[in-house]
Structure formats: structure tokens, C-alpha cells
PDB file of N, CA and C in Angstrom:
ATOM      1  N   MET A   1     -12.254  21.799  32.784  1.00  0.00           N
ATOM      2  CA  MET A   1     -13.539  22.177  33.311  1.00  0.00           C
ATOM      3  C   MET A   1     -14.302  21.637  34.129  1.00  0.00           C
ATOM      4  N   ASP A   2     -15.392  22.036  35.455  1.00  0.00           N
ATOM      5  CA  ASP A   2     -15.823  21.022  36.179  1.00  0.00           C
ATOM      6  C   ASP A   2     -17.134  19.636  35.745  1.00  0.00           C
ATOM      7  N   GLU A   3     -17.136  18.610  36.392  1.00  0.00           N
ATOM      8  CA  GLU A   3     -18.351  18.124  35.331  1.00  0.00           C
ATOM      9  C   GLU A   3     -19.445  18.445  36.013  1.00  0.00           C
ATOM     10  N   SER A   4     -19.115  18.322  37.444  1.00  0.00           N
ATOM     11  CA  SER A   4     -19.832  18.358  38.205  1.00  0.00           C
ATOM     12  C   SER A   4     -21.070  19.783  38.723  1.00  0.00           C
ATOM     13  N   CYS A   5     -20.788  21.107  37.441  1.00  0.00           N
ATOM     14  CA  CYS A   5     -21.486  21.555  37.386  1.00  0.00           C
ATOM     15  C   CYS A   5     -21.962  22.393  36.275  1.00  0.00           C
ATOM     16  N   ILE A   6     -23.008  23.225  36.528  1.00  0.00           N
ATOM     17  CA  ILE A   6     -23.546  23.629  35.003  1.00  0.00           C
ATOM     18  C   ILE A   6     -22.628  24.111  34.252  1.00  0.00           C
ATOM     19  N   GLN A   7     -22.827  23.954  33.124  1.00  0.00           N
ATOM     20  CA  GLN A   7     -21.519  24.782  31.592  1.00  0.00           C
ATOM     21  C   GLN A   7     -22.759  25.335  30.656  1.00  0.00           C
ATOM     22  N   VAL A   8     -22.221  26.205  30.615  1.00  0.00           N
ATOM     23  CA  VAL A   8     -22.578  27.336  29.712  1.00  0.00           C
ATOM     24  C   VAL A   8     -21.387  27.818  28.569  1.00  0.00           C
ATOM     25  N   ALA A   9     -21.904  27.397  27.286  1.00  0.00           N
ATOM     26  CA  ALA A   9     -20.943  27.878  26.304  1.00  0.00           C
ATOM     27  C   ALA A   9     -21.456  28.618  25.257  1.00  0.00           C
ATOM     28  N   ILE A  10     -21.122  29.804  24.808  1.00  0.00           N
ATOM     29  CA  ILE A  10     -21.639  30.666  24.005  1.00  0.00           C
ATOM     30  C   ILE A  10     -20.098  30.724  22.453  1.00  0.00           C
ATOM     31  N   TYR A  11     -21.358  30.071  22.115  1.00  0.00           N
ATOM     32  CA  TYR A  11     -20.283  30.136  20.483  1.00  0.00           C
ATOM     33  C   TYR A  11     -20.919  30.966  19.618  1.00  0.00           C
ATOM     34  N   ASP A  12     -19.933  31.360  18.522  1.00  0.00           N
ATOM     35  CA  ASP A  12     -20.912  32.516  17.078  1.00  0.00           C
ATOM     36  C   ASP A  12     -22.236  31.898  17.095  1.00  0.00           C
ATOM     37  N   ASP A  13     -22.635  30.400  16.841  1.00  0.00           N
ATOM     38  CA  ASP A  13     -23.876  30.724  16.050  1.00  0.00           C
ATOM     39  C   ASP A  13     -24.914  29.970  17.302  1.00  0.00           C
ATOM     40  N   ARG A  14     -24.320  29.788  18.334  1.00  0.00           N
ATOM     41  CA  ARG A  14     -25.474  29.640  19.589  1.00  0.00           C
ATOM     42  C   ARG A  14     -24.947  29.536  21.271  1.00  0.00           C
ATOM     43  N   LEU A  15     -26.215  28.912  21.886  1.00  0.00           N
ATOM     44  CA  LEU A  15     -25.548  28.915  23.291  1.00  0.00           C
ATOM     45  C   LEU A  15     -26.104  27.664  23.617  1.00  0.00           C
ATOM     46  N   GLU A  16     -24.604  27.267  24.671  1.00  0.00           N
ATOM     47  CA  GLU A  16     -25.283  25.690  24.523  1.00  0.00           C
ATOM     48  C   GLU A  16     -25.539  25.283  26.544  1.00  0.00           C
ATOM     49  N   VAL A  17     -26.371  25.069  27.340  1.00  0.00           N
ATOM     50  CA  VAL A  17     -26.394  24.737  28.752  1.00  0.00           C
ATOM     51  C   VAL A  17     -26.225  23.186  29.204  1.00  0.00           C
ATOM     52  N   THR A  18     -25.130  22.776  29.542  1.00  0.00           N
ATOM     53  CA  THR A  18     -24.943  21.441  29.823  1.00  0.00           C
ATOM     54  C   THR A  18     -25.349  21.212  31.099  1.00  0.00           C
ATOM     55  N   SER A  19     -26.058  19.842  31.129  1.00  0.00           N
ATOM     56  CA  SER A  19     -26.427  19.867  33.219  1.00  0.00           C
ATOM     57  C   SER A  19     -26.198  18.740  33.579  1.00  0.00           C
ATOM     58  N   PRO A  20     -25.708  18.696  34.822  1.00  0.00           N
ATOM     59  CA  PRO A  20     -24.622  17.423  34.943  1.00  0.00           C
ATOM     60  C   PRO A  20     -26.212  16.257  35.858  1.00  0.00           C
ATOM     61  N   GLY A  21     -25.778  15.439  36.030  1.00  0.00           N
ATOM     62  CA  GLY A  21     -27.078  14.413  36.307  1.00  0.00           C
ATOM     63  C   GLY A  21     -28.320  14.020  35.854  1.00  0.00           C
ATOM     64  N   GLY A  22     -28.283  14.458  34.839  1.00  0.00           N
ATOM     65  CA  GLY A  22     -29.190  13.592  33.613  1.00  0.00           C
ATOM     66  C   GLY A  22     -30.434  14.892  34.208  1.00  0.00           C
ATOM     67  N   LEU A  23     -31.749  14.370  33.637  1.00  0.00           N
ATOM     68  CA  LEU A  23     -33.461  14.911  33.702  1.00  0.00           C
ATOM     69  C   LEU A  23     -33.433  14.332  35.550  1.00  0.00           C
ATOM     70  N   TYR A  24     -34.349  14.785  35.973  1.00  0.00           N
ATOM     71  CA  TYR A  24     -34.804  14.620  37.392  1.00  0.00           C
ATOM     72  C   TYR A  24     -35.590  13.997  37.960  1.00  0.00           C
ATOM     73  N   ASN A  25     -35.290  12.768  38.676  1.00  0.00           N
ATOM     74  CA  ASN A  25     -36.897  12.287  39.085  1.00  0.00           C
ATOM     75  C   ASN A  25     -36.929  11.101  38.401  1.00  0.00           C
ATOM     76  N   GLY A  26     -36.442  10.520  37.749  1.00  0.00           N
ATOM     77  CA  GLY A  26     -36.637   9.282  36.614  1.00  0.00           C
ATOM     78  C   GLY A  26     -37.200  10.229  35.415  1.00  0.00           C
ATOM     79  N   LEU A  27     -37.731  11.393  35.265  1.00  0.00           N
ATOM     80  CA  LEU A  27     -38.143  12.015  34.269  1.00  0.00           C
ATOM     81  C   LEU A  27     -37.580  11.582  32.959  1.00  0.00           C
ATOM     82  N   THR A  28     -38.163  10.985  31.586  1.00  0.00           N
ATOM     83  CA  THR A  28     -37.622  10.185  30.755  1.00  0.00           C
ATOM     84  C   THR A  28     -37.458  11.906  29.538  1.00  0.00           C
ATOM     85  N   TYR A  29     -36.435  12.112  28.718  1.00  0.00           N
ATOM     86  CA  TYR A  29     -36.102  12.500  27.769  1.00  0.00           C
ATOM     87  C   TYR A  29     -37.932  12.582  26.500  1.00  0.00           C
ATOM     88  N   GLU A  30     -38.382  11.991  26.455  1.00  0.00           N
ATOM     89  CA  GLU A  30     -40.025  11.610  26.356  1.00  0.00           C
ATOM     90  C   GLU A  30     -40.274  12.291  26.504  1.00  0.00           C
ATOM     91  N   GLU A  31     -40.790  12.264  28.097  1.00  0.00           N
ATOM     92  CA  GLU A  31     -41.558  13.159  28.822  1.00  0.00           C
ATOM     93  C   GLU A  31     -41.266  15.261  28.785  1.00  0.00           C
ATOM     94  N   VAL A  32     -39.913  14.769  28.718  1.00  0.00           N
ATOM     95  CA  VAL A  32     -39.745  16.581  28.633  1.00  0.00           C
ATOM     96  C   VAL A  32     -40.164  16.880  27.425  1.00  0.00           C
ATOM     97  N   MET A  33     -40.168  16.123  26.701  1.00  0.00           N
ATOM     98  CA  MET A  33     -40.773  16.577  24.978  1.00  0.00           C
ATOM     99  C   MET A  33     -41.901  16.710  24.695  1.00  0.00           C
ATOM    100  N   ASN A  34     -42.633  15.983  25.249  1.00  0.00           N
ATOM    101  CA  ASN A  34     -44.432  16.273  25.824  1.00  0.00           C
ATOM    102  C   ASN A  34     -44.841  17.233  26.810  1.00  0.00           C
ATOM    103  N   GLY A  35     -44.077  17.727  27.285  1.00  0.00           N
ATOM    104  CA  GLY A  35     -44.679  18.975  28.292  1.00  0.00           C
ATOM    105  C   GLY A  35     -44.528  18.654  29.533  1.00  0.00           C
ATOM    106  N   HIS A  36     -43.799  17.311  29.642  1.00  0.00           N
ATOM    107  CA  HIS A  36     -44.255  16.711  31.529  1.00  0.00           C
ATOM    108  C   HIS A  36     -42.754  17.693  32.149  1.00  0.00           C
ATOM    109  N   SER A  37     -43.502  17.693  34.051  1.00  0.00           N
ATOM    110  CA  SER A  37     -42.059  18.160  34.131  1.00  0.00           C
ATOM    111  C   SER A  37     -41.820  17.945  35.799  1.00  0.00           C
ATOM    112  N   LYS A  38     -40.891  18.311  36.493  1.00  0.00           N
ATOM    113  CA  LYS A  38     -41.069  18.122  37.691  1.00  0.00           C
ATOM    114  C   LYS A  38     -40.554  18.877  38.643  1.00  0.00           C
ATOM    115  N   ILE A  39     -40.848  19.232  40.062  1.00  0.00           N
ATOM    116  CA  ILE A  39     -40.262  20.527  40.595  1.00  0.00           C
ATOM    117  C   ILE A  39     -39.047  19.860  41.176  1.00  0.00           C
ATOM    118  N   ARG A  40     -38.175  20.718  41.195  1.00  0.00           N
ATOM    119  CA  ARG A  40     -36.721  20.167  41.671  1.00  0.00           C
ATOM    120  C   ARG A  40     -36.466  20.969  42.948  1.00  0.00           C
ATOM    121  N   ASN A  41     -36.417  22.156  43.115  1.00  0.00           N
ATOM    122  CA  ASN A  41     -36.899  23.235  44.114  1.00  0.00           C
ATOM    123  C   ASN A  41     -38.129  23.282  44.413  1.00  0.00           C
ATOM    124  N   LYS A  42     -38.743  23.513  45.357  1.00  0.00           N
ATOM    125  CA  LYS A  42     -40.029  23.434  45.552  1.00  0.00           C
ATOM    126  C   LYS A  42     -40.148  25.384  46.050  1.00  0.00           C
ATOM    127  N   ALA A  43     -38.978  25.978  46.647  1.00  0.00           N
ATOM    128  CA  ALA A  43     -38.757  27.339  47.335  1.00  0.00           C
ATOM    129  C   ALA A  43     -38.781  28.624  45.841  1.00  0.00           C
ATOM    130  N   ILE A  44     -38.113  27.882  45.076  1.00  0.00           N
ATOM    131  CA  ILE A  44     -37.658  29.156  44.106  1.00  0.00           C
ATOM    132  C   ILE A  44     -39.397  28.793  43.226  1.00  0.00           C
ATOM    133  N   VAL A  45     -39.751  27.336  42.775  1.00  0.00           N
ATOM    134  CA  VAL A  45     -40.949  27.548  42.084  1.00  0.00           C
ATOM    135  C   VAL A  45     -41.725  27.971  43.210  1.00  0.00           C
ATOM    136  N   ASN A  46     -42.116  28.091  44.207  1.00  0.00           N
ATOM    137  CA  ASN A  46     -43.157  29.048  45.079  1.00  0.00           C
ATOM    138  C   ASN A  46     -42.538  31.163  45.133  1.00  0.00           C
ATOM    139  N   ILE A  47     -41.627  31.022  45.083  1.00  0.00           N
ATOM    140  CA  ILE A  47     -41.391  32.638  44.941  1.00  0.00           C
ATOM    141  C   ILE A  47     -41.792  32.422  43.088  1.00  0.00           C
ATOM    142  N   PHE A  48     -41.312  32.168  42.538  1.00  0.00           N
ATOM    143  CA  PHE A  48     -41.406  32.540  40.943  1.00  0.00           C
ATOM    144  C   PHE A  48     -43.122  32.804  40.846  1.00  0.00           C
ATOM    145  N   SER A  49     -43.634  31.515  41.217  1.00  0.00           N
ATOM    146  CA  SER A  49     -45.110  31.674  40.980  1.00  0.00           C
ATOM    147  C   SER A  49     -45.939  32.984  41.761  1.00  0.00           C
ATOM    148  N   GLN A  50     -45.524  33.606  43.062  1.00  0.00           N
ATOM    149  CA  GLN A  50     -46.130  34.723  43.621  1.00  0.00           C
ATOM    150  C   GLN A  50     -45.609  36.047  42.677  1.00  0.00           C
ATOM    151  N   MET A  51     -44.473  35.746  41.885  1.00  0.00           N
ATOM    152  CA  MET A  51     -44.130  37.027  41.305  1.00  0.00           C
ATOM    153  C   MET A  51     -44.533  37.408  39.858  1.00  0.00           C
ATOM    154  N   GLY A  52     -45.141  36.182  39.605  1.00  0.00           N
ATOM    155  CA  GLY A  52     -46.078  35.976  38.357  1.00  0.00           C
ATOM    156  C   GLY A  52     -44.851  35.588  37.314  1.00  0.00           C
ATOM    157  N   LEU A  53     -44.075  35.075  37.315  1.00  0.00           N
ATOM    158  CA  LEU A  53     -42.890  34.656  36.536  1.00  0.00           C
ATOM    159  C   LEU A  53     -43.272  32.873  35.678  1.00  0.00           C
ATOM    160  N   VAL A  54     -44.324  32.218  36.669  1.00  0.00           N
ATOM    161  CA  VAL A  54     -44.004  30.738  36.133  1.00  0.00           C
ATOM    162  C   VAL A  54     -45.780  30.959  35.403  1.00  0.00           C
ATOM    163  N   GLU A  55     -45.700  30.592  33.972  1.00  0.00           N
ATOM    164  CA  GLU A  55     -47.260  30.235  33.072  1.00  0.00           C
ATOM    165  C   GLU A  55     -47.615  29.105  33.632  1.00  0.00           C
ATOM    166  N   ALA A  56     -47.133  28.228  33.267  1.00  0.00           N
ATOM    167  CA  ALA A  56     -47.862  26.968  33.482  1.00  0.00           C
ATOM    168  C   ALA A  56     -46.547  25.534  33.731  1.00  0.00           C
ATOM    169  N   TRP A  57     -47.142  24.874  34.277  1.00  0.00           N
ATOM    170  CA  TRP A  57     -46.133  23.905  34.313  1.00  0.00           C
ATOM    171  C   TRP A  57     -46.036  22.967  32.937  1.00  0.00           C
ATOM    172  N   GLY A  58     -44.683  22.592  32.491  1.00  0.00           N
ATOM    173  CA  GLY A  58     -44.681  21.816  31.774  1.00  0.00           C
ATOM    174  C   GLY A  58     -44.173  22.750  30.354  1.00  0.00           C
ATOM    175  N   SER A  59     -44.880  23.676  30.136  1.00  0.00           N
ATOM    176  CA  SER A  59     -44.954  24.271  28.882  1.00  0.00           C
ATOM    177  C   SER A  59     -43.462  25.272  28.334  1.00  0.00           C
ATOM    178  N   GLU A  60     -42.880  25.229  28.992  1.00  0.00           N
ATOM    179  CA  GLU A  60     -41.230  25.775  29.202  1.00  0.00           C
ATOM    180  C   GLU A  60     -40.519  25.372  27.453  1.00  0.00           C
ATOM    181  N   ILE A  61     -40.728  23.901  27.239  1.00  0.00           N
ATOM    182  CA  ILE A  61     -40.234  23.656  26.225  1.00  0.00           C
ATOM    183  C   ILE A  61     -40.482  23.999  24.855  1.00  0.00           C
ATOM    184  N   LYS A  62     -42.166  23.984  24.917  1.00  0.00           N
ATOM    185  CA  LYS A  62     -43.229  24.554  23.561  1.00  0.00           C
ATOM    186  C   LYS A  62     -42.923  25.906  23.572  1.00  0.00           C
ATOM    187  N   ARG A  63     -42.742  26.590  24.641  1.00  0.00           N
ATOM    188  CA  ARG A  63     -42.692  28.349  24.588  1.00  0.00           C
ATOM    189  C   ARG A  63     -41.311  27.905  23.624  1.00  0.00           C
ATOM    190  N   ILE A  64     -40.119  27.748  24.421  1.00  0.00           N
ATOM    191  CA  ILE A  64     -38.609  27.806  23.650  1.00  0.00           C
ATOM    192  C   ILE A  64     -39.199  27.394  22.392  1.00  0.00           C
ATOM    193  N   PHE A  65     -39.831  26.131  21.534  1.00  0.00           N
ATOM    194  CA  PHE A  65     -39.396  26.106  20.681  1.00  0.00           C
ATOM    195  C   PHE A  65     -40.561  27.264  19.680  1.00  0.00           C
ATOM    196  N   ASN A  66     -41.330  26.968  20.303  1.00  0.00           N
ATOM    197  CA  ASN A  66     -42.645  28.493  19.765  1.00  0.00           C
ATOM    198  C   ASN A  66     -41.233  29.698  19.225  1.00  0.00           C
ATOM    199  N   ALA A  67     -40.957  29.759  20.326  1.00  0.00           N
ATOM    200  CA  ALA A  67     -40.297  31.680  20.324  1.00  0.00           C
ATOM    201  C   ALA A  67     -39.072  31.763  19.281  1.00  0.00           C
ATOM    202  N   ALA A  68     -38.277  30.211  19.033  1.00  0.00           N
ATOM    203  CA  ALA A  68     -37.238  30.308  17.996  1.00  0.00           C
ATOM    204  C   ALA A  68     -38.386  30.647  16.712  1.00  0.00           C
ATOM    205  N   LYS A  69     -39.032  29.928  16.816  1.00  0.00           N
ATOM    206  CA  LYS A  69     -39.929  29.875  15.207  1.00  0.00           C
ATOM    207  C   LYS A  69     -40.767  31.026  14.909  1.00  0.00           C
ATOM    208  N   GLU A  70     -40.757  31.899  16.205  1.00  0.00           N
ATOM    209  CA  GLU A  70     -41.581  32.967  16.029  1.00  0.00           C
ATOM    210  C   GLU A  70     -39.936  34.503  15.535  1.00  0.00           C
ATOM    211  N   TYR A  71     -38.944  34.008  16.204  1.00  0.00           N
ATOM    212  CA  TYR A  71     -37.819  34.645  15.516  1.00  0.00           C
ATOM    213  C   TYR A  71     -37.298  34.123  14.365  1.00  0.00           C
ATOM    214  N   GLY A  72     -37.724  33.490  13.645  1.00  0.00           N
ATOM    215  CA  GLY A  72     -36.447  33.006  12.618  1.00  0.00           C
ATOM    216  C   GLY A  72     -35.490  32.326  12.898  1.00  0.00           C
ATOM    217  N   LEU A  73     -34.980  31.016  13.983  1.00  0.00           N
ATOM    218  CA  LEU A  73     -34.329  30.521  14.499  1.00  0.00           C
ATOM    219  C   LEU A  73     -34.027  29.489  13.894  1.00  0.00           C
ATOM    220  N   SER A  74     -33.401  28.750  14.134  1.00  0.00           N
ATOM    221  CA  SER A  74     -33.087  26.833  13.619  1.00  0.00           C
ATOM    222  C   SER A  74     -34.171  26.611  14.966  1.00  0.00           C
ATOM    223  N   GLU A  75     -34.657  25.545  14.921  1.00  0.00           N
ATOM    224  CA  GLU A  75     -34.676  24.680  15.732  1.00  0.00           C
ATOM    225  C   GLU A  75     -34.232  24.547  17.360  1.00  0.00           C
ATOM    226  N   PRO A  76     -34.000  24.618  18.303  1.00  0.00           N
ATOM    227  CA  PRO A  76     -33.526  24.304  19.435  1.00  0.00           C
ATOM    228  C   PRO A  76     -33.303  22.742  19.600  1.00  0.00           C
ATOM    229  N   LYS A  77     -32.041  21.904  20.234  1.00  0.00           N
ATOM    230  CA  LYS A  77     -31.863  20.529  20.100  1.00  0.00           C
ATOM    231  C   LYS A  77     -31.255  20.441  21.863  1.00  0.00           C
ATOM    232  N   PHE A  78     -32.686  19.420  21.851  1.00  0.00           N
ATOM    233  CA  PHE A  78     -32.815  18.963  23.658  1.00  0.00           C
ATOM    234  C   PHE A  78     -31.714  17.500  23.301  1.00  0.00           C
ATOM    235  N   GLN A  79     -30.792  17.404  24.002  1.00  0.00           N
ATOM    236  CA  GLN A  79     -29.831  15.695  24.099  1.00  0.00           C
ATOM    237  C   GLN A  79     -29.960  15.908  25.866  1.00  0.00           C
ATOM    238  N   GLU A  80     -30.047  14.029  25.432  1.00  0.00           N
ATOM    239  CA  GLU A  80     -29.758  13.938  27.367  1.00  0.00           C
ATOM    240  C   GLU A  80     -28.597  12.235  26.242  1.00  0.00           C
ATOM    241  N   PHE A  81     -27.638  12.795  27.325  1.00  0.00           N
ATOM    242  CA  PHE A  81     -26.505  11.483  27.075  1.00  0.00           C
ATOM    243  C   PHE A  81     -25.177  11.701  28.545  1.00  0.00           C
ATOM    244  N   ASP A  82     -24.954  10.574  28.916  1.00  0.00           N
ATOM    245  CA  ASP A  82     -23.773  10.341  29.605  1.00  0.00           C
ATOM    246  C   ASP A  82     -24.324  10.853  30.801  1.00  0.00           C
ATOM    247  N   ASN A  83     -25.501  11.698  31.866  1.00  0.00           N
ATOM    248  CA  ASN A  83     -25.990  11.806  33.016  1.00  0.00           C
ATOM    249  C   ASN A  83     -25.877  12.919  32.594  1.00  0.00           C
ATOM    250  N   MET A  84     -26.166  13.557  31.358  1.00  0.00           N
ATOM    251  CA  MET A  84     -26.036  14.894  31.500  1.00  0.00           C
ATOM    252  C   MET A  84     -27.332  14.935  29.950  1.00  0.00           C
ATOM    253  N   PHE A  85     -27.370  16.679  30.746  1.00  0.00           N
ATOM    254  CA  PHE A  85     -28.994  17.148  29.405  1.00  0.00           C
ATOM    255  C   PHE A  85     -28.050  18.264  29.115  1.00  0.00           C
ATOM    256  N   ARG A  86     -28.026  18.307  27.981  1.00  0.00           N
ATOM    257  CA  ARG A  86     -28.040  19.796  27.038  1.00  0.00           C
ATOM    258  C   ARG A  86     -28.791  20.318  26.150  1.00  0.00           C
ATOM    259  N   VAL A  87     -29.225  21.914  26.330  1.00  0.00           N
ATOM    260  CA  VAL A  87     -29.970  22.283  25.509  1.00  0.00           C
ATOM    261  C   VAL A  87     -28.707  22.742  24.416  1.00  0.00           C
ATOM    262  N   GLU A  88     -29.272  23.424  23.264  1.00  0.00           N
ATOM    263  CA  GLU A  88     -28.839  24.285  22.438  1.00  0.00           C
ATOM    264  C   GLU A  88     -29.707  24.898  21.563  1.00  0.00           C
ATOM    265  N   LEU A  89     -29.362  26.574  22.088  1.00  0.00           N
ATOM    266  CA  LEU A  89     -30.256  27.495  21.441  1.00  0.00           C
ATOM    267  C   LEU A  89     -29.348  27.964  20.686  1.00  0.00           C
ATOM    268  N   PHE A  90     -30.286  28.413  19.159  1.00  0.00           N
ATOM    269  CA  PHE A  90     -29.185  28.885  18.102  1.00  0.00           C
ATOM    270  C   PHE A  90     -29.663  30.469  18.102  1.00  0.00           C
ATOM    271  N   ARG A  91     -28.902  31.118  17.059  1.00  0.00           N
ATOM    272  CA  ARG A  91     -28.813  32.271  17.346  1.00  0.00           C
ATOM    273  C   ARG A  91     -29.140  33.056  15.699  1.00  0.00           C
ATOM    274  N   SER A  92     -29.537  33.790  15.107  1.00  0.00           N
ATOM    275  CA  SER A  92     -29.697  34.339  13.842  1.00  0.00           C
ATOM    276  C   SER A  92     -27.990  34.572  12.983  1.00  0.00           C
ATOM    277  N   SER A  93     -27.891  34.747  12.234  1.00  0.00           N
ATOM    278  CA  SER A  93     -27.038  34.915  11.537  1.00  0.00           C
ATOM    279  C   SER A  93     -26.825  36.467  11.235  1.00  0.00           C
ATOM    280  N   PHE A  94     -25.499  36.753  11.089  1.00  0.00           N
ATOM    281  CA  PHE A  94     -26.115  38.563  10.385  1.00  0.00           C
ATOM    282  C   PHE A  94     -24.612  38.479   9.540  1.00  0.00           C
ATOM    283  N   PRO A  95     -24.595  39.423   8.733  1.00  0.00           N
ATOM    284  CA  PRO A  95     -23.465  40.048   7.947  1.00  0.00           C
ATOM    285  C   PRO A  95     -22.215  40.778   9.145  1.00  0.00           C
ATOM    286  N   MET A  96     -21.206  40.413   9.077  1.00  0.00           N
ATOM    287  CA  MET A  96     -20.489  41.341   9.878  1.00  0.00           C
ATOM    288  C   MET A  96     -19.989  42.567   9.405  1.00  0.00           C
ATOM    289  N   ALA A  97     -20.236  42.974   8.165  1.00  0.00           N
ATOM    290  CA  ALA A  97     -19.411  43.752   7.127  1.00  0.00           C
ATOM    291  C   ALA A  97     -20.610  44.933   7.701  1.00  0.00           C
ATOM    292  N   ASN A  98     -21.792  44.974   7.507  1.00  0.00           N
ATOM    293  CA  ASN A  98     -23.254  45.495   8.057  1.00  0.00           C
ATOM    294  C   ASN A  98     -22.849  46.222   9.023  1.00  0.00           C
ATOM    295  N   GLU A  99     -22.334  44.941  10.389  1.00  0.00           N
ATOM    296  CA  GLU A  99     -22.198  45.883  11.405  1.00  0.00           C
ATOM    297  C   GLU A  99     -21.531  46.961  11.759  1.00  0.00           C
ATOM    298  N   LYS A 100     -20.208  46.722  10.873  1.00  0.00           N
ATOM    299  CA  LYS A 100     -19.108  47.748  10.474  1.00  0.00           C
ATOM    300  C   LYS A 100     -19.353  48.589   9.897  1.00  0.00           C
ATOM    301  N   GLU A 101     -20.205  48.655   9.283  1.00  0.00           N
ATOM    302  CA  GLU A 101     -20.280  49.903   8.205  1.00  0.00           C
ATOM    303  C   GLU A 101     -21.422  51.079   9.050  1.00  0.00           C
ATOM    304  N   ASN A 102     -22.298  50.126   9.657  1.00  0.00           N
ATOM    305  CA  ASN A 102     -23.485  50.876  10.776  1.00  0.00           C
ATOM    306  C   ASN A 102     -22.488  51.589  11.732  1.00  0.00           C
ATOM    307  N   ILE A 103     -21.637  50.839  12.945  1.00  0.00           N
ATOM    308  CA  ILE A 103     -20.937  51.632  13.435  1.00  0.00           C
ATOM    309  C   ILE A 103     -19.678  53.078  13.089  1.00  0.00           C
ATOM    310  N   GLY A 104     -19.698  52.494  11.723  1.00  0.00           N
ATOM    311  CA  GLY A 104     -18.858  53.523  11.094  1.00  0.00           C
ATOM    312  C   GLY A 104     -19.849  55.098  10.974  1.00  0.00           C
ATOM    313  N   GLU A 105     -20.913  55.067  10.551  1.00  0.00           N
ATOM    314  CA  GLU A 105     -22.311  55.851  10.511  1.00  0.00           C
ATOM    315  C   GLU A 105     -22.425  56.183  11.449  1.00  0.00           C
ATOM    316  N   ALA A 106     -22.085  56.052  12.787  1.00  0.00           N
ATOM    317  CA  ALA A 106     -22.976  55.943  13.790  1.00  0.00           C
ATOM    318  C   ALA A 106     -22.018  57.247  14.382  1.00  0.00           C
ATOM    319  N   SER A 107     -20.587  56.622  14.235  1.00  0.00           N
ATOM    320  CA  SER A 107     -19.397  57.687  14.746  1.00  0.00           C
ATOM    321  C   SER A 107     -19.715  58.822  14.322  1.00  0.00           C
ATOM    322  N   GLU A 108     -19.516  58.750  13.004  1.00  0.00           N
ATOM    323  CA  GLU A 108     -19.385  60.400  11.871  1.00  0.00           C
ATOM    324  C   GLU A 108     -20.687  61.012  12.359  1.00  0.00           C
ATOM    325  N   LYS A 109     -21.408  60.878  12.998  1.00  0.00           N
ATOM    326  CA  LYS A 109     -22.506  61.617  13.244  1.00  0.00           C
ATOM    327  C   LYS A 109     -22.749  62.062  14.685  1.00  0.00           C
ATOM    328  N   HIS A 110     -21.765  61.579  15.670  1.00  0.00           N
ATOM    329  CA  HIS A 110     -21.595  62.015  16.471  1.00  0.00           C
ATOM    330  C   HIS A 110     -20.566  62.948  17.099  1.00  0.00           C
ATOM    331  N   ARG A 111     -19.163  63.479  15.959  1.00  0.00           N
ATOM    332  CA  ARG A 111     -18.467  63.643  15.821  1.00  0.00           C
ATOM    333  C   ARG A 111     -18.683  65.385  15.288  1.00  0.00           C
ATOM    334  N   ARG A 112     -19.997  65.449  14.821  1.00  0.00           N
ATOM    335  CA  ARG A 112     -20.294  66.763  14.045  1.00  0.00           C
ATOM    336  C   ARG A 112     -20.793  67.478  14.925  1.00  0.00           C
TER     337      ARG A 112
END
């Protein structure tokens, strides 16, 4: 896989997003985890702001942790290594047998 591109990996239990180049413009891991942010692409930021998609600068990490807690998910992991930055978002586990059972029930209802 080309290490110069953003990589997205989907596993049974998590989603990993790895970004090459590390953190932007001298931002440190500690600063990111404490809610600091720096704008890389001002044009995109302006568009998102006009669309009402931006809440507050630096609130993203806190919002991710709060959402994980709200949905009962494992705490997200953020890692900086080898000039890369990775975010791991975990999903809830669910019994596969129940899922198959529900599919079968729905299919029977639709056959009638």
C-alpha cells in the first residue's frame, strides 16, 4: 500500500485511519489531545463553516471520545509514529447468531 496516501483499514472490531506526514505545522500529540488544532486547508474550513458543519475549533477529539462513551464503545486510540498519525475507532460487538436468526425471521414474513 502506498504510504504517501491516507490509509483506511476496516476490521471486524475497529476502523483504522492512518495519515502520512504526522501532525500539521508543528502540532504535538499532547496539544491535539488537549483540544488544540491548526487549519491545513482554509478553503475547506470556510465551506464547512458556511454549511454549519463546524462546531468549534479543537472540539473534534473531545467529541469523538464523548460519542464513543455515549454509545458504550471502547475508548478511541490516537497514535503518532514514524511520521504518521493513526486513529482507531472501535465498534460494539454483537452475536452473529442472533443476526442470522433475525434475517431468517424477516425472510419468512416476506414469503407469506
